[in-house]
């Protein structure tokens, strides 16, 4: 495949297009598309996981003390809105299998930390390429990042929320623990700044409990220590999987 076609394949992949859609648009086989994508997502280090985040992720965090990652978000200026949500996808390869273990995280980097997590699941390279497009379909595309940045986002957001009394619980805690294994331990405290304008900013989703969250924030930082915006007044009945059912 010539360089122009390779560039088109990678661009369409970053826009969240599926393998089949890319193949049709470019006029090549799905196998050729998977080959290009696999070549473009080499591990970030020997034995390290491959990691992706949604385009526009950097607009929701403070990178003043993490300038080394400031240029890793080419879609930042195209993001339609800043929502305080960051999606992270991780794939860990194994020398004992042709399938990678794939896990994911949805982070509220302004307040709650870990909103959702998908425990590791084995995927072939073809399925991973398809899954990646679906996984980031709610965003303006995705971009590959070093594992160190993915760790700083995931563990940093979790630590920030923990400081206010928010921790994953029940099934979410189990899935987060399993998914975090793929990332490995962070080198130290995250240099990324969380919250918004120096304070936690709570924007609830349809499955959050606003009253409980606001009580927790008031206990932690007082009435003037946070901002909030309640969009869904209904109280949740259960937690749901945000990225759709597993296949």
Protein backbone atom coordinates (compact mmCIF):
# COMPACT_ATOMS: atom_id res chain seq x y z
CA UNK A 1 0.00 0.00 0.00
CA UNK A 2 1.45 3.38 -0.96
CA UNK A 3 2.10 6.17 1.55
CA UNK A 4 -0.96 8.20 0.55
CA UNK A 5 -3.33 5.29 1.17
CA UNK A 6 -1.61 4.49 4.47
CA UNK A 7 -2.09 8.10 5.58
CA UNK A 8 -5.78 7.98 4.63
CA UNK A 9 -6.28 4.73 6.56
CA UNK A 10 -4.71 6.18 9.71
CA UNK A 11 -6.71 9.41 9.41
CA UNK A 12 -10.01 7.55 9.06
CA UNK A 13 -9.08 5.34 12.01
CA UNK A 14 -8.46 8.40 14.20
CA UNK A 15 -11.88 9.68 13.17
CA UNK A 16 -13.42 6.54 14.64
CA UNK A 17 -14.34 4.77 11.39
CA UNK A 18 -14.63 0.98 11.49
CA UNK A 19 -12.23 -1.32 9.66
CA UNK A 20 -14.89 -2.23 7.08
CA UNK A 21 -15.81 1.42 6.53
CA UNK A 22 -12.16 2.36 6.04
CA UNK A 23 -11.65 -0.50 3.61
CA UNK A 24 -14.64 0.62 1.54
CA UNK A 25 -13.58 4.27 1.59
CA UNK A 26 -9.99 3.58 0.59
CA UNK A 27 -10.69 0.68 -1.76
CA UNK A 28 -8.56 -2.01 -0.10
CA UNK A 29 -9.30 -5.21 1.81
CA UNK A 30 -10.14 -5.23 5.51
CA UNK A 31 -7.02 -7.33 6.09
CA UNK A 32 -4.87 -4.60 4.55
CA UNK A 33 -6.48 -2.01 6.81
CA UNK A 34 -5.82 -4.11 9.92
CA UNK A 35 -2.21 -4.53 8.83
CA UNK A 36 -1.74 -0.77 8.53
CA UNK A 37 -3.39 -0.09 11.88
CA UNK A 38 -1.37 -2.74 13.66
CA UNK A 39 1.80 -1.26 12.24
CA UNK A 40 0.77 2.14 13.52
CA UNK A 41 0.13 1.05 17.09
CA UNK A 42 3.39 -0.44 18.21
CA UNK A 43 3.83 -0.92 21.94
CA UNK A 44 5.02 2.14 23.80
CA UNK A 45 7.93 0.20 25.26
CA UNK A 46 9.31 -3.34 25.48
CA UNK A 47 6.37 -5.41 26.65
CA UNK A 48 4.35 -2.28 27.42
CA UNK A 49 0.68 -1.87 26.68
CA UNK A 50 -0.70 -0.01 23.68
CA UNK A 51 -2.93 2.85 24.75
CA UNK A 52 -5.41 5.22 23.14
CA UNK A 53 -7.45 8.16 24.45
CA UNK A 54 -10.25 10.18 22.90
CA UNK A 55 -9.40 13.17 20.76
CA UNK A 56 -9.84 16.38 22.73
CA UNK A 57 -8.81 14.76 26.04
CA UNK A 58 -6.31 17.52 26.86
CA UNK A 59 -9.02 20.20 27.00
CA UNK A 60 -10.44 18.66 30.17
CA UNK A 61 -7.20 18.61 32.20
CA UNK A 62 -4.37 20.94 33.20
CA UNK A 63 -1.06 20.07 31.54
CA UNK A 64 0.97 22.95 32.97
CA UNK A 65 3.16 20.47 34.88
CA UNK A 66 2.97 17.82 32.17
CA UNK A 67 4.04 19.78 29.10
CA UNK A 68 5.70 16.68 27.62
CA UNK A 69 2.21 15.46 26.70
CA UNK A 70 0.73 18.74 25.51
CA UNK A 71 1.34 17.94 21.84
CA UNK A 72 -0.29 14.51 21.94
CA UNK A 73 -3.83 15.69 21.23
CA UNK A 74 -4.11 16.76 17.60
CA UNK A 75 -7.90 16.83 17.89
CA UNK A 76 -8.00 19.27 20.80
CA UNK A 77 -9.01 22.26 18.72
CA UNK A 78 -11.74 20.25 16.97
CA UNK A 79 -13.46 18.98 20.11
CA UNK A 80 -17.03 20.22 20.06
CA UNK A 81 -17.35 20.65 23.80
CA UNK A 82 -15.40 20.14 27.01
CA UNK A 83 -17.22 17.58 29.11
CA UNK A 84 -14.65 16.52 31.68
CA UNK A 85 -14.83 12.94 30.41
CA UNK A 86 -11.81 11.03 29.11
CA UNK A 87 -11.94 7.52 27.64
CA UNK A 88 -8.85 5.32 27.76
CA UNK A 89 -8.38 2.03 25.92
CA UNK A 90 -5.53 -0.36 26.75
CA UNK A 91 -4.27 -3.44 24.89
CA UNK A 92 -1.60 -5.67 26.41
CA UNK A 93 0.09 -8.15 24.09
CA UNK A 94 1.26 -11.59 25.13
CA UNK A 95 4.02 -13.82 23.80
CA UNK A 96 1.81 -16.84 24.57
CA UNK A 97 -1.18 -15.80 22.49
CA UNK A 98 -2.02 -14.07 19.24
CA UNK A 99 -4.77 -12.16 21.06
CA UNK A 100 -4.26 -9.05 23.15
CA UNK A 101 -5.95 -8.45 26.48
CA UNK A 102 -8.05 -5.31 26.07
CA UNK A 103 -9.52 -3.16 28.83
CA UNK A 104 -11.01 0.32 29.09
CA UNK A 105 -11.74 3.19 31.43
CA UNK A 106 -14.16 6.10 31.39
CA UNK A 107 -12.87 8.90 33.61
CA UNK A 108 -14.55 11.94 35.10
CA UNK A 109 -11.39 14.05 35.37
CA UNK A 110 -13.25 16.94 37.02
CA UNK A 111 -14.71 15.17 40.03
CA UNK A 112 -15.70 11.51 40.34
CA UNK A 113 -12.61 9.82 38.91
CA UNK A 114 -13.47 6.36 37.57
CA UNK A 115 -16.96 6.43 36.07
CA UNK A 116 -16.73 3.04 34.39
CA UNK A 117 -14.25 0.29 33.60
CA UNK A 118 -14.23 -2.71 31.32
CA UNK A 119 -12.29 -5.71 32.61
CA UNK A 120 -9.72 -7.32 30.28
CA UNK A 121 -11.05 -9.33 27.37
CA UNK A 122 -9.01 -11.22 24.75
CA UNK A 123 -9.26 -9.80 21.24
CA UNK A 124 -7.69 -10.57 17.91
CA UNK A 125 -6.05 -7.70 16.07
CA UNK A 126 -8.97 -7.48 13.67
CA UNK A 127 -11.51 -7.35 16.47
CA UNK A 128 -9.39 -4.82 18.40
CA UNK A 129 -9.36 -2.51 15.39
CA UNK A 130 -13.16 -2.76 15.11
CA UNK A 131 -13.65 -2.39 18.86
CA UNK A 132 -11.46 0.71 19.00
CA UNK A 133 -13.68 2.53 16.51
CA UNK A 134 -16.83 1.59 18.43
CA UNK A 135 -15.27 2.40 21.80
CA UNK A 136 -14.54 6.01 20.86
CA UNK A 137 -17.66 6.54 18.75
CA UNK A 138 -19.11 9.02 21.27
CA UNK A 139 -16.06 11.27 20.86
CA UNK A 140 -14.42 13.11 17.96
CA UNK A 141 -12.02 10.26 17.26
CA UNK A 142 -9.03 8.92 19.18
CA UNK A 143 -5.25 9.10 19.34
CA UNK A 144 -2.53 6.71 20.46
CA UNK A 145 -0.56 7.83 23.51
CA UNK A 146 2.34 6.51 25.61
CA UNK A 147 1.45 4.17 28.43
CA UNK A 148 2.86 6.71 30.90
CA UNK A 149 0.21 9.23 29.90
CA UNK A 150 -2.57 6.64 30.15
CA UNK A 151 -1.37 5.73 33.66
CA UNK A 152 -1.22 9.39 34.68
CA UNK A 153 -4.79 9.91 33.51
CA UNK A 154 -6.31 6.77 35.01
CA UNK A 155 -4.50 6.60 38.34
CA UNK A 156 -4.33 10.39 38.67
CA UNK A 157 -8.08 10.81 38.19
CA UNK A 158 -8.75 8.00 40.66
CA UNK A 159 -6.44 9.59 43.26
CA UNK A 160 -8.00 13.03 42.76
CA UNK A 161 -11.50 11.67 43.35
CA UNK A 162 -10.34 9.62 46.32
CA UNK A 163 -9.29 12.83 48.02
CA UNK A 164 -12.95 13.88 48.16
CA UNK A 165 -14.28 10.49 49.21
CA UNK A 166 -15.15 8.93 45.84
CA UNK A 167 -14.00 5.36 45.24
CA UNK A 168 -15.15 2.67 42.79
CA UNK A 169 -17.47 0.25 44.56
CA UNK A 170 -18.92 -3.21 43.96
CA UNK A 171 -18.69 -4.51 40.40
CA UNK A 172 -17.02 -1.31 39.23
CA UNK A 173 -14.23 -1.71 41.80
CA UNK A 174 -13.60 -5.29 40.65
CA UNK A 175 -13.50 -4.37 36.98
CA UNK A 176 -11.30 -1.34 37.64
CA UNK A 177 -8.81 -3.47 39.59
CA UNK A 178 -8.65 -6.05 36.80
CA UNK A 179 -8.32 -3.42 34.06
CA UNK A 180 -5.65 -1.49 35.97
CA UNK A 181 -3.39 -4.55 35.95
CA UNK A 182 -2.91 -4.10 32.20
CA UNK A 183 -1.57 -0.58 32.69
CA UNK A 184 0.98 -1.44 35.35
CA UNK A 185 1.99 0.71 38.28
CA UNK A 186 2.51 4.46 37.74
CA UNK A 187 6.03 5.84 38.22
CA UNK A 188 4.78 8.32 40.82
CA UNK A 189 2.07 10.92 41.46
CA UNK A 190 0.39 12.17 38.31
CA UNK A 191 1.71 15.52 37.04
CA UNK A 192 -1.65 16.19 35.38
CA UNK A 193 -3.99 18.68 37.02
CA UNK A 194 -7.57 17.53 37.56
CA UNK A 195 -10.76 19.38 38.43
CA UNK A 196 -11.83 22.60 36.71
CA UNK A 197 -10.50 26.04 37.60
CA UNK A 198 -8.78 24.58 40.64
CA UNK A 199 -11.84 22.93 42.15
CA UNK A 200 -13.87 19.76 41.63
CA UNK A 201 -16.71 20.38 39.20
CA UNK A 202 -19.54 17.87 39.29
CA UNK A 203 -21.72 17.41 36.20
CA UNK A 204 -24.00 14.44 36.76
CA UNK A 205 -24.94 11.80 34.26
CA UNK A 206 -28.28 9.97 34.18
CA UNK A 207 -26.93 7.18 36.40
CA UNK A 208 -25.33 9.35 39.10
CA UNK A 209 -26.95 10.27 42.41
CA UNK A 210 -26.53 14.07 42.59
CA UNK A 211 -27.70 14.42 46.19
CA UNK A 212 -25.23 11.83 47.46
CA UNK A 213 -22.36 13.34 45.46
CA UNK A 214 -23.08 16.86 46.67
CA UNK A 215 -23.26 15.68 50.30
CA UNK A 216 -19.87 14.03 49.92
CA UNK A 217 -18.34 17.15 48.36
CA UNK A 218 -19.73 19.40 51.08
CA UNK A 219 -18.24 17.17 53.76
CA UNK A 220 -14.88 17.18 51.99
CA UNK A 221 -14.44 20.82 50.91
CA UNK A 222 -17.43 22.83 52.11
CA UNK A 223 -20.04 24.73 50.11
CA UNK A 224 -17.49 27.04 48.47
CA UNK A 225 -14.97 24.33 47.61
CA UNK A 226 -16.61 22.97 44.47
CA UNK A 227 -18.85 23.77 41.52
CA UNK A 228 -21.69 21.68 40.15
CA UNK A 229 -24.26 21.46 37.38
CA UNK A 230 -27.17 19.06 37.71
CA UNK A 231 -28.43 17.98 34.30
CA UNK A 232 -30.46 14.87 35.18
CA UNK A 233 -32.59 15.18 38.34
CA UNK A 234 -33.69 11.55 38.31
CA UNK A 235 -31.96 9.30 40.83
CA UNK A 236 -30.25 6.25 39.33
CA UNK A 237 -31.62 2.77 39.81
CA UNK A 238 -28.49 0.92 38.80
CA UNK A 239 -25.11 1.36 37.16
CA UNK A 240 -25.01 0.54 33.49
CA UNK A 241 -22.17 -0.30 31.11
CA UNK A 242 -21.35 2.86 29.16
CA UNK A 243 -19.63 1.25 26.20
CA UNK A 244 -22.24 -1.30 25.25
CA UNK A 245 -22.39 -5.06 25.85
CA UNK A 246 -19.47 -7.32 25.21
CA UNK A 247 -19.65 -9.51 22.16
